Amino acid sequence: MAAMKLALWNVRPAWFVALIASVGLVALLAVMAPDGGPTPAPDRPDESATDSEIAQFFDSVGAVASRRDGAGAADLFDPDRLYREATAALPVPRPDPRGPARVLDAVWDGFASGWLGSGWSETRLRRIDRLPGGAEVVVLARHRTPAGVVPARWWLVRRDGRWRAYDLEDVRVGLRLSHQLTAVAAVQVGEQDHAELGSALKAMTAASAELAAGDAAGAARALEPARAARLPAPHRAILCLTEAAVALELNDPEAALNWADQADRARPGIPGTGLVRAVAYHRQHKWAAAAAAATPYVEALGPDTRASLVLGLSLLELGRRAEAVEVLRAAAAEDPGHAGLSDALRRGTDPR
């Protein structure tokens, strides 16, 4: 068990760093409660109070992230639901009575280690979708961080008069926190399976770090343990996206497009594949294809420095100046002072 915990603790969350570091434009069963009793039923809140309560929840998450407060973070998560989400990704034959406690330990450790960096200075709630019954919601939020704006999806459940999270993801990548915690559940299906998955997760995180440092060759070497592993579909998709990022860094857009296709086959609908395709087509001077790939990404997730820059430059090449300027101005409002956006805007507004 000590080995299992060490392997999990050393895995930093690819859901948060994978695409930020790697898109090539710069260098996240029925289950028993821990005490053995049944999981309590969710509340049914007054919808008129829901939005303000959820906004307060995100203020609390930002505060505990900035303090690296593991205890405070653990109190903001529902361990039973998070464990259920984690076990859903693997063929676990039976629930682990201590599984919820273990995933909560992982959340505690993760926040204490700085999963969300220094937190965020601002959160904008873009959309709140209420699930049947009204006690669970899916929230699309935009968090302003020192590394830029991060669009994230959160799953929340309301119990005992307050909201708690039971999953989250950086929607550009599509890897949920629960997918990162599958190692907790995987120990139930064999130590070798767990070791293989844990090694692959560590390899992908190491590759992201190499990409962030500008070493694409080092990232490619770091991925070797993950390439040989048998991975569940969500993790396979992240491996493909990381491979695509390496290909973009090595200026091989054709290979990046191939990896994006493989990511879609592993897990369809990840927005990050659209961003990879937009960058790759832009590198190939296929302006219409780049614009077509970037447009739904920006429309779904909001202004994004990297995607909006690719979209704006592609629209300029297509002679669609007014559309380009609109896209670039929206992104510049989110990321003021960005040199690439400023240069593109000057080009778009130059009357000559």
Protein backbone atom coordinates (compact mmCIF):
# COMPACT_ATOMS: atom_id res chain seq x y z
CA MET A 1 0.00 0.00 0.00
CA ALA A 2 2.87 2.37 0.72
CA ALA A 3 4.16 1.84 -2.82
CA MET A 4 0.73 2.54 -4.24
CA LYS A 5 0.45 5.81 -2.32
CA LEU A 6 3.93 6.93 -3.39
CA ALA A 7 3.16 6.28 -7.04
CA LEU A 8 -0.06 8.24 -6.84
CA TRP A 9 1.39 11.12 -4.87
CA ASN A 10 4.15 11.60 -7.45
CA VAL A 11 1.64 12.04 -10.26
CA ARG A 12 0.90 15.70 -10.80
CA PRO A 13 -2.40 16.50 -12.55
CA ALA A 14 -2.05 16.35 -16.31
CA TRP A 15 -5.58 17.80 -16.57
CA PHE A 16 -4.10 21.17 -15.57
CA VAL A 17 -0.71 21.22 -17.29
CA ALA A 18 -0.89 19.03 -20.37
CA LEU A 19 -2.31 21.43 -22.91
CA ILE A 20 -1.05 24.63 -21.28
CA ALA A 21 2.47 23.30 -21.65
CA SER A 22 2.08 21.37 -24.83
CA VAL A 23 0.00 22.75 -27.67
CA GLY A 24 3.11 23.99 -29.44
CA LEU A 25 2.33 27.68 -29.05
CA VAL A 26 4.10 28.06 -25.72
CA ALA A 27 6.88 26.70 -24.02
CA LEU A 28 -5.75 18.75 -15.37
CA LEU A 29 -20.97 1.12 -8.68
CA ALA A 30 -22.60 1.93 -5.68
CA VAL A 31 -20.12 3.16 -3.15
CA MET A 32 -20.12 3.04 0.60
CA ALA A 33 -19.24 6.10 2.64
CA PRO A 34 -15.92 6.03 4.60
CA ASP A 35 -17.73 5.19 7.84
CA GLY A 36 -19.46 2.24 6.19
CA GLY A 37 -22.90 3.88 5.99
CA PRO A 38 -24.84 4.65 2.81
CA THR A 39 -24.11 7.81 0.85
CA PRO A 40 -26.57 10.52 2.01
CA ALA A 41 -29.11 11.80 -0.49
CA PRO A 42 -28.41 15.16 -2.15
CA ASP A 43 -30.33 18.25 -1.13
CA ARG A 44 -32.92 19.92 -3.35
CA PRO A 45 -31.94 23.60 -3.15
CA ASP A 46 -33.93 26.68 -4.01
CA GLU A 47 -32.75 27.47 -7.55
CA SER A 48 -32.89 31.21 -6.87
CA ALA A 49 -29.98 30.83 -4.44
CA THR A 50 -27.97 28.40 -6.53
CA ASP A 51 -25.89 30.82 -8.59
CA SER A 52 -24.69 32.93 -5.66
CA GLU A 53 -23.90 29.82 -3.60
CA ILE A 54 -21.87 28.37 -6.47
CA ALA A 55 -19.98 31.63 -6.90
CA GLN A 56 -19.11 31.48 -3.19
CA PHE A 57 -17.94 27.89 -3.64
CA PHE A 58 -15.43 28.97 -6.30
CA ASP A 59 -14.22 31.82 -4.09
CA SER A 60 -13.47 29.18 -1.46
CA VAL A 61 -11.63 26.92 -3.92
CA GLY A 62 -9.50 29.82 -5.13
CA ALA A 63 -8.63 30.74 -1.55
CA VAL A 64 -7.56 27.23 -0.52
CA ALA A 65 -5.57 26.84 -3.75
CA SER A 66 -3.66 30.07 -3.11
CA ARG A 67 -2.88 28.90 0.44
CA ARG A 68 -2.08 25.34 -0.72
CA ASP A 69 -4.48 24.31 2.02
CA GLY A 70 -4.99 20.57 1.69
CA ALA A 71 -7.41 20.33 4.60
CA GLY A 72 -9.53 23.17 3.29
CA ALA A 73 -9.60 21.65 -0.19
CA ALA A 74 -10.59 18.21 1.09
CA ASP A 75 -13.57 19.81 2.81
CA LEU A 76 -14.76 21.17 -0.56
CA PHE A 77 -14.94 17.73 -2.24
CA ASP A 78 -17.45 14.90 -1.93
CA PRO A 79 -15.26 11.80 -1.49
CA ASP A 80 -17.98 9.23 -2.19
CA ARG A 81 -19.01 10.71 -5.53
CA LEU A 82 -15.40 11.37 -6.55
CA TYR A 83 -14.51 7.76 -5.83
CA ARG A 84 -17.50 6.56 -7.85
CA GLU A 85 -16.34 8.68 -10.80
CA ALA A 86 -12.81 7.28 -10.46
CA THR A 87 -13.95 3.65 -10.44
CA ALA A 88 -16.19 4.21 -13.47
CA ALA A 89 -13.11 4.48 -15.72
CA LEU A 90 -11.80 1.02 -14.81
CA PRO A 91 -13.30 -2.49 -14.64
CA VAL A 92 -13.22 -2.58 -10.83
CA PRO A 93 -14.94 -5.79 -9.64
CA ARG A 94 -15.97 -4.41 -6.24
CA PRO A 95 -15.86 -1.10 -4.37
CA ASP A 96 -13.10 -0.51 -1.84
CA PRO A 97 -14.54 0.54 1.54
CA ARG A 98 -11.55 2.85 2.03
CA GLY A 99 -11.60 4.15 -1.53
CA PRO A 100 -13.38 7.43 -0.73
CA ALA A 101 -10.92 8.17 2.06
CA ARG A 102 -8.01 7.48 -0.28
CA VAL A 103 -9.24 9.80 -3.01
CA LEU A 104 -9.81 12.50 -0.41
CA ASP A 105 -6.22 12.02 0.77
CA ALA A 106 -5.12 12.50 -2.83
CA VAL A 107 -7.06 15.76 -3.13
CA TRP A 108 -5.54 16.96 0.15
CA ASP A 109 -2.04 16.13 -1.01
CA GLY A 110 -2.61 17.60 -4.44
CA PHE A 111 -3.73 21.00 -3.20
CA ALA A 112 -0.95 21.07 -0.61
CA SER A 113 1.52 20.40 -3.44
CA GLY A 114 0.14 23.17 -5.62
CA TRP A 115 -2.10 21.43 -8.18
CA LEU A 116 -3.65 24.77 -9.09
CA GLY A 117 -0.43 26.74 -8.82
CA SER A 118 -1.07 29.96 -6.91
CA GLY A 119 -4.80 29.76 -7.49
CA TRP A 120 -6.65 32.26 -9.61
CA SER A 121 -7.30 35.97 -9.41
CA GLU A 122 -10.77 35.76 -10.97
CA THR A 123 -13.41 33.18 -11.86
CA ARG A 124 -16.20 33.80 -14.35
CA LEU A 125 -19.09 31.35 -14.43
CA ARG A 126 -19.83 30.90 -18.12
CA ARG A 127 -22.66 28.37 -17.80
CA ILE A 128 -24.44 26.38 -15.07
CA ASP A 129 -26.31 23.26 -16.20
CA ARG A 130 -28.62 21.80 -13.58
CA LEU A 131 -28.92 18.03 -13.59
CA PRO A 132 -32.25 16.28 -12.86
CA GLY A 133 -33.35 16.85 -9.28
CA GLY A 134 -31.63 20.21 -8.95
CA ALA A 135 -29.06 19.07 -6.38
CA GLU A 136 -26.26 18.51 -8.91
CA VAL A 137 -24.87 20.96 -11.44
CA VAL A 138 -22.18 21.05 -14.11
CA VAL A 139 -20.42 24.42 -14.20
CA LEU A 140 -18.30 25.76 -17.06
CA ALA A 141 -15.98 28.35 -15.52
CA ARG A 142 -13.09 30.47 -16.71
CA HIS A 143 -10.27 30.88 -14.18
CA ARG A 144 -7.71 33.66 -14.60
CA THR A 145 -4.34 32.29 -13.45
CA PRO A 146 -0.74 33.51 -13.71
CA ALA A 147 -0.42 31.22 -16.75
CA GLY A 148 -3.49 32.72 -18.48
CA VAL A 149 -7.20 31.96 -18.55
CA VAL A 150 -8.06 28.30 -17.98
CA PRO A 151 -11.52 27.04 -18.97
CA ALA A 152 -12.62 24.28 -16.62
CA ARG A 153 -15.71 22.14 -16.09
CA TRP A 154 -16.75 21.29 -12.52
CA TRP A 155 -19.31 18.77 -11.27
CA LEU A 156 -20.93 19.82 -7.98
CA VAL A 157 -23.39 18.16 -5.62
CA ARG A 158 -25.26 19.84 -2.76
CA ARG A 159 -25.48 18.01 0.58
CA ASP A 160 -26.22 19.29 4.07
CA GLY A 161 -26.87 22.79 2.80
CA ARG A 162 -23.62 23.31 0.90
CA TRP A 163 -22.00 22.56 -2.45
CA ARG A 164 -19.07 20.20 -2.89
CA ALA A 165 -17.16 19.14 -6.01
CA TYR A 166 -17.05 15.56 -7.20
CA ASP A 167 -15.03 16.05 -10.38
CA LEU A 168 -13.33 18.68 -12.51
CA GLU A 169 -11.43 18.94 -15.77
CA ASP A 170 -9.54 21.35 -17.93
CA VAL A 171 -11.98 21.11 -20.81
CA ARG A 172 -9.31 21.76 -23.44
CA VAL A 173 -7.72 18.43 -22.56
CA GLY A 174 -10.72 16.45 -21.34
CA LEU A 175 -8.91 14.59 -18.57
CA ARG A 176 -10.88 14.70 -15.35
CA LEU A 177 -9.48 14.66 -11.84
CA SER A 178 -11.28 11.33 -11.38
CA HIS A 179 -9.27 9.89 -14.28
CA GLN A 180 -6.09 10.87 -12.47
CA LEU A 181 -7.33 9.05 -9.38
CA THR A 182 -8.00 5.76 -11.15
CA ALA A 183 -4.73 4.54 -9.66
CA VAL A 184 -6.53 4.42 -6.31
CA ALA A 185 -9.07 2.02 -7.78
CA ALA A 186 -6.65 0.15 -10.03
CA VAL A 187 -4.90 -1.49 -7.10
CA GLN A 188 -8.04 -3.62 -6.76
CA VAL A 189 -7.55 -5.22 -10.18
CA GLY A 190 -3.91 -6.15 -9.78
CA GLU A 191 -0.68 -4.47 -8.72
CA GLN A 192 0.81 -4.81 -12.21
CA ASP A 193 -2.12 -3.00 -13.81
CA HIS A 194 -1.79 -0.24 -11.25
CA ALA A 195 1.96 0.06 -11.74
CA GLU A 196 1.55 0.29 -15.51
CA LEU A 197 -1.07 3.03 -15.27
CA GLY A 198 0.86 4.93 -12.62
CA SER A 199 4.06 4.84 -14.71
CA ALA A 200 2.17 6.07 -17.76
CA LEU A 201 0.64 8.97 -15.85
CA LYS A 202 4.02 9.99 -14.47
CA ALA A 203 5.53 9.74 -17.96
CA MET A 204 2.89 12.04 -19.45
CA THR A 205 3.37 14.57 -16.66
CA ALA A 206 7.15 14.45 -17.15
CA ALA A 207 6.69 14.97 -20.89
CA SER A 208 4.54 18.03 -20.21
CA ALA A 209 7.29 19.45 -18.01
CA GLU A 210 9.87 18.87 -20.76
CA LEU A 211 7.60 20.64 -23.26
CA ALA A 212 7.17 23.56 -20.90
CA ALA A 213 10.96 23.80 -20.74
CA GLY A 214 11.16 23.78 -24.56
CA ASP A 215 12.72 20.32 -24.88
CA ALA A 216 10.57 18.41 -27.37
CA ALA A 217 13.14 15.64 -27.77
CA GLY A 218 13.21 15.16 -23.99
CA ALA A 219 9.41 15.04 -23.96
CA ALA A 220 9.43 12.34 -26.63
CA ARG A 221 11.86 10.26 -24.55
CA ALA A 222 9.80 10.79 -21.40
CA LEU A 223 6.73 9.32 -23.10
CA GLU A 224 8.28 5.87 -23.68
CA PRO A 225 6.69 4.19 -20.60
CA ALA A 226 3.28 5.53 -21.58
CA ARG A 227 3.51 4.32 -25.19
CA ALA A 228 3.92 0.73 -24.09
CA ALA A 229 1.14 0.82 -21.48
CA ARG A 230 -2.40 -0.52 -21.79
CA LEU A 231 -4.40 2.59 -21.01
CA PRO A 232 -8.10 3.27 -20.42
CA ALA A 233 -9.62 5.45 -23.15
CA PRO A 234 -9.38 8.80 -21.31
CA HIS A 235 -5.69 8.30 -20.58
CA ARG A 236 -5.01 7.04 -24.09
CA ALA A 237 -6.56 10.25 -25.46
CA ILE A 238 -4.26 12.37 -23.30
CA LEU A 239 -1.25 10.39 -24.47
CA CYS A 240 -2.28 11.10 -28.07
CA LEU A 241 -2.68 14.80 -27.37
CA THR A 242 0.74 14.90 -25.72
CA GLU A 243 2.24 13.12 -28.71
CA ALA A 244 0.55 15.73 -30.94
CA ALA A 245 2.12 18.50 -28.89
CA VAL A 246 5.56 16.93 -29.28
CA ALA A 247 5.00 16.70 -33.03
CA LEU A 248 4.06 20.38 -33.20
CA GLU A 249 7.16 21.33 -31.24
CA LEU A 250 9.21 19.29 -33.73
CA ASN A 251 7.40 21.12 -36.57
CA ASP A 252 5.69 18.00 -37.86
CA PRO A 253 2.07 19.13 -38.32
CA GLU A 254 1.12 16.02 -40.31
CA ALA A 255 2.06 13.78 -37.39
CA ALA A 256 0.18 16.10 -35.02
CA LEU A 257 -2.97 15.73 -37.13
CA ASN A 258 -2.62 11.96 -37.05
CA TRP A 259 -2.32 11.99 -33.25
CA ALA A 260 -5.38 14.25 -33.01
CA ASP A 261 -7.34 11.68 -35.02
CA GLN A 262 -6.20 8.94 -32.64
CA ALA A 263 -7.22 11.05 -29.65
CA ASP A 264 -10.69 11.41 -31.15
CA ARG A 265 -10.98 7.67 -31.63
CA ALA A 266 -9.98 7.07 -28.01
CA ARG A 267 -12.34 9.69 -26.61
CA PRO A 268 -14.42 11.74 -29.05
CA GLY A 269 -15.20 15.38 -28.48
CA ILE A 270 -12.16 16.66 -26.56
CA PRO A 271 -11.84 20.37 -27.45
CA GLY A 272 -8.05 20.08 -27.38
CA THR A 273 -8.06 18.07 -30.60
CA GLY A 274 -9.61 21.08 -32.34
CA LEU A 275 -6.84 23.30 -31.06
CA VAL A 276 -4.17 20.85 -32.19
CA ARG A 277 -5.73 20.73 -35.66
CA ALA A 278 -5.99 24.52 -35.84
CA VAL A 279 -2.30 24.93 -35.03
CA ALA A 280 -1.25 22.15 -37.41
CA TYR A 281 -3.30 23.50 -40.32
CA HIS A 282 -1.97 26.99 -39.64
CA ARG A 283 1.59 25.64 -39.83
CA GLN A 284 0.67 24.12 -43.20
CA HIS A 285 -0.77 27.46 -44.41
CA LYS A 286 -4.20 25.83 -44.76
CA TRP A 287 -6.01 28.95 -43.58
CA ALA A 288 -9.60 27.81 -44.15
CA ALA A 289 -9.02 24.49 -42.36
CA ALA A 290 -7.28 26.27 -39.47
CA ALA A 291 -10.17 28.71 -39.10
CA ALA A 292 -12.72 25.89 -39.26
CA ALA A 293 -10.91 23.99 -36.50
CA ALA A 294 -10.37 27.00 -34.23
CA THR A 295 -13.85 28.54 -34.53
CA PRO A 296 -15.85 25.95 -32.53
CA TYR A 297 -13.12 25.87 -29.90
CA VAL A 298 -13.33 29.63 -29.32
CA GLU A 299 -17.14 29.66 -29.53
CA ALA A 300 -17.44 26.90 -26.92
CA LEU A 301 -14.75 28.00 -24.47
CA GLY A 302 -14.58 31.75 -24.97
CA PRO A 303 -11.64 33.96 -25.96
CA ASP A 304 -8.35 32.08 -25.74
CA THR A 305 -4.97 33.61 -26.48
CA ARG A 306 -3.59 30.70 -28.48
CA ALA A 307 -6.71 29.57 -30.32
CA SER A 308 -7.88 33.13 -30.98
CA LEU A 309 -4.50 34.09 -32.37
CA VAL A 310 -4.55 31.17 -34.80
CA LEU A 311 -8.14 31.98 -35.74
CA GLY A 312 -7.49 35.69 -36.16
CA LEU A 313 -4.37 35.23 -38.28
CA SER A 314 -6.11 32.63 -40.45
CA LEU A 315 -9.08 34.95 -41.00
CA LEU A 316 -6.71 37.74 -41.99
CA GLU A 317 -5.09 35.46 -44.57
CA LEU A 318 -8.58 34.69 -45.91
CA GLY A 319 -9.36 38.40 -46.27
CA ARG A 320 -12.01 38.32 -43.52
CA ARG A 321 -10.56 41.31 -41.72
CA ALA A 322 -13.59 42.45 -39.71
CA GLU A 323 -14.12 38.96 -38.25
CA ALA A 324 -10.42 38.67 -37.47
CA VAL A 325 -10.31 41.96 -35.62
CA GLU A 326 -13.37 41.01 -33.55
CA VAL A 327 -11.76 37.71 -32.50
CA LEU A 328 -8.40 39.32 -31.74
CA ARG A 329 -9.89 42.18 -29.73
CA ALA A 330 -11.88 39.78 -27.56
CA ALA A 331 -8.72 37.77 -26.84
CA ALA A 332 -6.67 40.92 -26.18
CA ALA A 333 -9.26 42.01 -23.61
CA GLU A 334 -8.64 38.74 -21.77
CA ASP A 335 -4.84 38.87 -22.20
CA PRO A 336 -3.85 42.55 -22.46
CA GLY A 337 -0.30 43.24 -23.55
CA HIS A 338 0.22 39.91 -25.34
CA ALA A 339 2.74 40.72 -28.09
CA GLY A 340 1.34 38.28 -30.66
CA LEU A 341 -2.21 39.55 -30.26
CA SER A 342 -1.04 43.18 -30.41
CA ASP A 343 0.92 42.55 -33.61
CA ALA A 344 -2.00 40.74 -35.22
CA LEU A 345 -4.39 43.54 -34.26
CA ARG A 346 -2.09 46.15 -35.76
CA ARG A 347 -2.01 44.14 -38.95
CA GLY A 348 -5.79 43.79 -38.97
CA THR A 349 -6.47 47.49 -38.35
CA ASP A 350 -3.74 48.91 -40.59
CA PRO A 351 -5.66 50.83 -43.30
CA ARG A 352 -3.00 50.15 -45.96
